[in-house]
């Protein structure tokens, strides 16, 4: 704690040989961050520029990619600063804000993936009613809720944690996530129960809903040969993104609640994968697997060549 300014600082203990390899870490993660921003915004720009892609499915993809950039921006700048700093510290208030941003954007990701699954379900299973169900107002409403609902859910534990006294000032990690709960002097049963409720509503229910909708789509696609190809082209990318993101987030959330002492290097690698893979994976999957986007990407790079 800095008594001059009455600021409480938290030290990150999750870095491995950071003083020895600081410039290597910085160069690698800075390159990844630039790739994340450029690849995601390339796809978003293509969707914005070309009117043929101004459809709900592509609008939701653009929102998902923007969310990925926001998620990376909530983590990478601080991480890059820590690599070049003598001490890897953060104020408790900034730590709570990073915690809020982290899980708020995670919740938004699952909400958007659920909306995309519903959009595909209506498009493939009820094509004649698609235009009446998925309207502009409906799309706008989904996008607003995608960021407002997770923010409301995550703000409750953040506000409660801000009022709790902390006795530990060392965090086993490289960023602020659910492990912040371990800093409290007294473990709050209310916070743990509420966290499980949020996990069920923001992660588990969306995943179950997505699996249900894609199961229905697969059943219908096998009955109708004309729908099979369309289902494969549009649903496969969504499923790949869902599986990739769900595995890493499940690890991240459970780590903060289970008393498992992983080696520091394992924890570091897994955390870097959580904040890197899906943000870098999404634009590649949607750029290569979505035919409408892929055609415009091919034209863009062919012109430059």
Protein backbone atom coordinates (compact mmCIF):
# COMPACT_ATOMS: atom_id res chain seq x y z
CA UNK A 1 0.00 0.00 0.00
CA UNK A 2 1.22 3.49 -0.90
CA UNK A 3 0.40 5.60 2.18
CA UNK A 4 1.16 8.89 0.42
CA UNK A 5 -1.83 8.50 -1.87
CA UNK A 6 -3.79 5.87 0.13
CA UNK A 7 -3.63 3.50 -2.87
CA UNK A 8 -3.49 -0.26 -2.49
CA UNK A 9 -1.27 -2.05 -4.99
CA UNK A 10 -1.43 -5.70 -6.03
CA UNK A 11 1.66 -7.55 -7.25
CA UNK A 12 1.38 -10.10 -10.07
CA UNK A 13 3.31 -13.25 -9.17
CA UNK A 14 2.48 -15.20 -12.33
CA UNK A 15 5.33 -14.01 -14.54
CA UNK A 16 8.18 -16.42 -15.33
CA UNK A 17 11.73 -15.06 -15.79
CA UNK A 18 10.27 -11.69 -16.81
CA UNK A 19 13.44 -9.77 -15.91
CA UNK A 20 15.51 -12.08 -18.09
CA UNK A 21 13.22 -12.34 -21.12
CA UNK A 22 11.28 -9.07 -20.84
CA UNK A 23 12.09 -7.86 -24.38
CA UNK A 24 11.31 -11.25 -25.93
CA UNK A 25 7.97 -11.36 -24.09
CA UNK A 26 7.19 -7.81 -25.14
CA UNK A 27 8.09 -8.37 -28.81
CA UNK A 28 6.04 -11.58 -29.04
CA UNK A 29 2.92 -10.25 -27.30
CA UNK A 30 3.07 -6.88 -29.07
CA UNK A 31 3.19 -8.71 -32.42
CA UNK A 32 0.23 -10.87 -31.40
CA UNK A 33 -1.73 -7.79 -30.27
CA UNK A 34 -1.13 -6.03 -33.60
CA UNK A 35 -2.17 -9.18 -35.48
CA UNK A 36 -5.36 -9.40 -33.41
CA UNK A 37 -6.31 -5.79 -34.11
CA UNK A 38 -5.43 -5.87 -37.83
CA UNK A 39 -7.05 -9.25 -38.60
CA UNK A 40 -10.27 -8.53 -36.72
CA UNK A 41 -10.68 -5.04 -38.13
CA UNK A 42 -9.93 -6.28 -41.66
CA UNK A 43 -12.96 -8.59 -41.48
CA UNK A 44 -15.09 -5.89 -39.80
CA UNK A 45 -14.11 -3.36 -42.50
CA UNK A 46 -15.06 -5.80 -45.27
CA UNK A 47 -18.47 -6.33 -43.66
CA UNK A 48 -19.01 -2.57 -43.25
CA UNK A 49 -17.87 -1.62 -46.76
CA UNK A 50 -19.74 -4.24 -48.80
CA UNK A 51 -23.53 -3.86 -48.75
CA UNK A 52 -23.99 -7.49 -49.78
CA UNK A 53 -22.74 -8.41 -46.30
CA UNK A 54 -25.19 -6.13 -44.48
CA UNK A 55 -27.15 -9.11 -43.22
CA UNK A 56 -27.85 -10.12 -39.59
CA UNK A 57 -25.42 -13.05 -39.72
CA UNK A 58 -22.50 -10.84 -40.81
CA UNK A 59 -23.49 -8.00 -38.46
CA UNK A 60 -23.30 -10.44 -35.54
CA UNK A 61 -19.91 -11.66 -36.78
CA UNK A 62 -18.67 -8.05 -36.89
CA UNK A 63 -19.94 -7.48 -33.33
CA UNK A 64 -18.17 -10.67 -32.17
CA UNK A 65 -14.88 -9.55 -33.74
CA UNK A 66 -15.17 -6.06 -32.22
CA UNK A 67 -15.77 -7.73 -28.85
CA UNK A 68 -12.58 -9.76 -29.37
CA UNK A 69 -10.59 -6.56 -29.94
CA UNK A 70 -12.10 -4.99 -26.80
CA UNK A 71 -11.24 -8.11 -24.81
CA UNK A 72 -7.63 -7.97 -26.02
CA UNK A 73 -7.41 -4.24 -25.32
CA UNK A 74 -8.58 -4.84 -21.74
CA UNK A 75 -5.58 -7.14 -21.18
CA UNK A 76 -2.70 -6.57 -23.58
CA UNK A 77 -1.69 -2.93 -22.84
CA UNK A 78 -1.25 -3.65 -19.11
CA UNK A 79 0.55 -6.90 -19.90
CA UNK A 80 2.97 -5.13 -22.25
CA UNK A 81 3.67 -2.43 -19.64
CA UNK A 82 4.40 -5.12 -17.03
CA UNK A 83 6.94 -6.83 -19.30
CA UNK A 84 9.00 -3.63 -19.42
CA UNK A 85 8.51 -2.66 -15.76
CA UNK A 86 10.75 -3.48 -12.83
CA UNK A 87 7.70 -4.34 -10.73
CA UNK A 88 4.57 -6.00 -12.06
CA UNK A 89 1.98 -4.16 -9.98
CA UNK A 90 -1.52 -2.72 -10.36
CA UNK A 91 -3.71 -0.61 -8.11
CA UNK A 92 -6.61 -2.48 -6.53
CA UNK A 93 -9.18 -0.21 -8.20
CA UNK A 94 -7.56 -0.76 -11.63
CA UNK A 95 -7.48 -4.50 -10.89
CA UNK A 96 -11.22 -4.48 -10.21
CA UNK A 97 -11.82 -2.60 -13.46
CA UNK A 98 -9.77 -5.15 -15.42
CA UNK A 99 -11.72 -7.95 -13.71
CA UNK A 100 -14.97 -6.24 -14.69
CA UNK A 101 -13.87 -5.70 -18.32
CA UNK A 102 -12.56 -9.26 -18.59
CA UNK A 103 -15.74 -11.07 -17.57
CA UNK A 104 -18.12 -8.51 -19.02
CA UNK A 105 -16.62 -9.12 -22.47
CA UNK A 106 -16.54 -12.89 -21.89
CA UNK A 107 -20.27 -12.76 -21.16
CA UNK A 108 -20.83 -10.65 -24.27
CA UNK A 109 -18.99 -13.25 -26.35
CA UNK A 110 -21.25 -16.07 -25.20
CA UNK A 111 -24.37 -13.92 -25.68
CA UNK A 112 -23.34 -13.06 -29.24
CA UNK A 113 -22.56 -16.71 -30.01
CA UNK A 114 -26.06 -17.60 -28.74
CA UNK A 115 -27.66 -14.94 -30.93
CA UNK A 116 -25.70 -16.19 -33.93
CA UNK A 117 -26.89 -19.74 -33.23
CA UNK A 118 -30.49 -18.52 -33.03
CA UNK A 119 -30.05 -16.58 -36.29
CA UNK A 120 -28.79 -19.72 -38.06
CA UNK A 121 -31.57 -21.79 -36.53
CA UNK A 122 -34.29 -19.46 -37.87
CA UNK A 123 -32.55 -19.13 -41.25
CA UNK A 124 -32.22 -22.87 -41.82
CA UNK A 125 -35.22 -24.30 -39.94
CA UNK A 126 -37.76 -21.51 -40.64
CA UNK A 127 -36.51 -19.76 -43.81
CA UNK A 128 -39.94 -18.41 -44.80
CA UNK A 129 -40.35 -16.61 -41.47
CA UNK A 130 -36.74 -15.38 -41.24
CA UNK A 131 -37.41 -11.83 -42.47
CA UNK A 132 -40.30 -11.36 -40.04
CA UNK A 133 -38.45 -12.78 -37.00
CA UNK A 134 -34.94 -11.37 -37.54
CA UNK A 135 -35.63 -7.71 -38.31
CA UNK A 136 -33.41 -4.63 -37.96
CA UNK A 137 -34.96 -3.75 -34.61
CA UNK A 138 -34.39 -7.29 -33.39
CA UNK A 139 -30.73 -7.19 -34.43
CA UNK A 140 -30.23 -3.83 -32.69
CA UNK A 141 -31.91 -5.12 -29.53
CA UNK A 142 -29.70 -8.22 -29.47
CA UNK A 143 -26.54 -6.12 -29.89
CA UNK A 144 -27.51 -3.74 -27.07
CA UNK A 145 -28.36 -6.59 -24.71
CA UNK A 146 -25.11 -8.36 -25.63
CA UNK A 147 -23.10 -5.67 -23.83
CA UNK A 148 -25.58 -4.36 -21.25
CA UNK A 149 -26.71 -7.64 -19.64
CA UNK A 150 -23.18 -9.03 -18.93
CA UNK A 151 -22.12 -5.60 -17.60
CA UNK A 152 -25.02 -5.60 -15.13
CA UNK A 153 -24.29 -9.16 -14.01
CA UNK A 154 -20.56 -8.64 -13.53
CA UNK A 155 -20.88 -5.24 -11.81
CA UNK A 156 -22.48 -6.81 -8.69
CA UNK A 157 -19.42 -8.83 -7.49
CA UNK A 158 -17.12 -5.97 -8.46
CA UNK A 159 -19.03 -3.50 -6.28
CA UNK A 160 -19.16 -6.00 -3.41
CA UNK A 161 -15.42 -6.72 -3.72
CA UNK A 162 -14.60 -2.99 -3.71
CA UNK A 163 -16.04 -2.76 -0.18
CA UNK A 164 -14.29 -5.85 1.17
CA UNK A 165 -11.00 -5.71 3.05
CA UNK A 166 -8.02 -7.46 1.46
CA UNK A 167 -5.21 -9.12 3.42
CA UNK A 168 -3.19 -10.55 0.54
CA UNK A 169 -1.37 -8.33 -1.94
CA UNK A 170 0.11 -10.93 -4.28
CA UNK A 171 -1.97 -12.39 -7.10
CA UNK A 172 -1.07 -15.76 -8.59
CA UNK A 173 -1.41 -14.71 -12.20
CA UNK A 174 -0.55 -12.05 -14.78
CA UNK A 175 -3.94 -10.31 -14.90
CA UNK A 176 -6.95 -9.70 -12.70
CA UNK A 177 -9.71 -12.29 -13.04
CA UNK A 178 -11.67 -14.44 -10.60
CA UNK A 179 -8.48 -15.11 -8.60
CA UNK A 180 -9.01 -11.65 -7.05
CA UNK A 181 -11.45 -13.35 -4.67
CA UNK A 182 -8.48 -15.04 -2.99
CA UNK A 183 -7.14 -11.64 -1.87
CA UNK A 184 -10.04 -11.03 0.52
CA UNK A 185 -9.43 -11.40 4.25
CA UNK A 186 -12.68 -13.32 4.66
CA UNK A 187 -14.05 -15.55 1.92
CA UNK A 188 -17.57 -14.48 0.99
CA UNK A 189 -20.08 -17.27 0.52
CA UNK A 190 -22.46 -14.79 -1.12
CA UNK A 191 -19.86 -13.89 -3.77
CA UNK A 192 -19.15 -17.55 -4.54
CA UNK A 193 -22.85 -18.41 -4.85
CA UNK A 194 -23.52 -15.36 -7.02
CA UNK A 195 -20.51 -16.27 -9.16
CA UNK A 196 -21.95 -19.72 -9.79
CA UNK A 197 -25.32 -18.17 -10.71
CA UNK A 198 -23.63 -15.81 -13.19
CA UNK A 199 -21.57 -18.71 -14.58
CA UNK A 200 -24.77 -20.70 -15.14
CA UNK A 201 -26.68 -17.82 -16.76
CA UNK A 202 -23.86 -16.25 -18.79
CA UNK A 203 -21.90 -19.34 -19.83
CA UNK A 204 -23.64 -22.65 -19.16
CA UNK A 205 -27.14 -21.74 -20.43
CA UNK A 206 -25.85 -20.09 -23.63
CA UNK A 207 -23.66 -23.14 -24.38
CA UNK A 208 -26.60 -25.51 -23.84
CA UNK A 209 -28.83 -23.31 -26.00
CA UNK A 210 -26.22 -23.24 -28.78
CA UNK A 211 -25.78 -27.02 -28.67
CA UNK A 212 -29.56 -27.47 -28.77
CA UNK A 213 -30.01 -25.19 -31.80
CA UNK A 214 -27.16 -26.80 -33.74
CA UNK A 215 -28.49 -30.26 -32.91
CA UNK A 216 -31.85 -29.23 -34.37
CA UNK A 217 -30.11 -27.79 -37.44
CA UNK A 218 -28.15 -31.02 -37.97
CA UNK A 219 -31.31 -33.12 -37.67
CA UNK A 220 -33.12 -31.00 -40.26
CA UNK A 221 -30.09 -30.82 -42.57
CA UNK A 222 -29.86 -34.60 -42.75
CA UNK A 223 -33.52 -34.82 -43.65
CA UNK A 224 -33.19 -32.24 -46.40
CA UNK A 225 -30.19 -32.57 -48.71
CA UNK A 226 -30.55 -29.01 -50.02
CA UNK A 227 -30.03 -27.59 -46.54
CA UNK A 228 -27.04 -29.78 -45.64
CA UNK A 229 -24.41 -27.72 -47.44
CA UNK A 230 -25.76 -24.41 -46.16
CA UNK A 231 -25.77 -25.74 -42.60
CA UNK A 232 -22.19 -26.98 -42.86
CA UNK A 233 -20.89 -23.70 -44.31
CA UNK A 234 -22.51 -21.42 -41.72
CA UNK A 235 -22.63 -23.56 -38.57
CA UNK A 236 -19.15 -25.13 -38.60
CA UNK A 237 -17.31 -21.82 -37.96
CA UNK A 238 -19.63 -20.98 -35.06
CA UNK A 239 -19.10 -24.41 -33.48
CA UNK A 240 -15.32 -24.19 -33.81
CA UNK A 241 -15.30 -20.75 -32.14
CA UNK A 242 -17.64 -21.96 -29.38
CA UNK A 243 -15.57 -25.07 -28.55
CA UNK A 244 -12.31 -23.13 -28.57
CA UNK A 245 -13.61 -20.30 -26.37
CA UNK A 246 -15.59 -22.51 -23.96
CA UNK A 247 -12.60 -24.72 -23.11
CA UNK A 248 -10.34 -21.82 -22.18
CA UNK A 249 -12.99 -19.91 -20.23
CA UNK A 250 -13.99 -23.03 -18.30
CA UNK A 251 -10.35 -23.44 -17.26
CA UNK A 252 -10.07 -19.77 -16.32
CA UNK A 253 -13.25 -19.67 -14.20
CA UNK A 254 -12.65 -22.99 -12.43
CA UNK A 255 -9.05 -22.05 -11.62
CA UNK A 256 -10.23 -19.15 -9.47
CA UNK A 257 -12.52 -21.42 -7.44
CA UNK A 258 -10.53 -24.63 -7.11
CA UNK A 259 -7.56 -24.91 -4.78
CA UNK A 260 -5.30 -26.35 -7.46
CA UNK A 261 -1.65 -25.37 -7.37
CA UNK A 262 -0.45 -25.54 -10.98
CA UNK A 263 3.21 -24.89 -11.78
CA UNK A 264 3.75 -21.21 -12.58
CA UNK A 265 4.83 -21.90 -16.18
CA UNK A 266 1.68 -23.97 -16.85
CA UNK A 267 -0.53 -21.23 -15.42
CA UNK A 268 1.27 -18.59 -17.53
CA UNK A 269 0.91 -20.57 -20.78
CA UNK A 270 -2.79 -21.29 -20.16
CA UNK A 271 -3.54 -17.64 -19.33
CA UNK A 272 -1.78 -16.44 -22.47
CA UNK A 273 -3.81 -18.94 -24.49
CA UNK A 274 -7.05 -17.65 -22.94
CA UNK A 275 -6.33 -14.06 -24.01
CA UNK A 276 -4.75 -14.94 -27.36
CA UNK A 277 -6.30 -17.92 -29.12
CA UNK A 278 -9.93 -16.96 -29.57
CA UNK A 279 -9.14 -13.31 -30.46
CA UNK A 280 -6.72 -14.51 -33.13
CA UNK A 281 -8.75 -17.61 -34.02
CA UNK A 282 -12.08 -15.87 -34.73
CA UNK A 283 -11.08 -13.76 -37.76
CA UNK A 284 -9.20 -16.69 -39.30
CA UNK A 285 -12.17 -19.04 -38.94
CA UNK A 286 -14.76 -16.55 -40.20
CA UNK A 287 -12.44 -15.26 -42.93
CA UNK A 288 -11.76 -18.72 -44.36
CA UNK A 289 -15.00 -20.58 -43.64
CA UNK A 290 -17.64 -17.94 -44.39
CA UNK A 291 -17.91 -17.88 -48.18
CA UNK A 292 -19.20 -14.29 -48.44
CA UNK A 293 -16.27 -12.90 -46.42
CA UNK A 294 -13.71 -15.20 -48.03
CA UNK A 295 -14.59 -14.04 -51.57
CA UNK A 296 -14.05 -10.38 -50.63
CA UNK A 297 -10.82 -11.23 -48.79
CA UNK A 298 -9.52 -13.07 -51.85
CA UNK A 299 -10.28 -10.10 -54.09
CA UNK A 300 -8.63 -7.72 -51.63
CA UNK A 301 -5.36 -9.67 -51.47
CA UNK A 302 -5.36 -10.48 -55.19
CA UNK A 303 -5.53 -6.75 -55.99
CA UNK A 304 -2.56 -6.05 -53.73
CA UNK A 305 -0.53 -8.86 -55.30
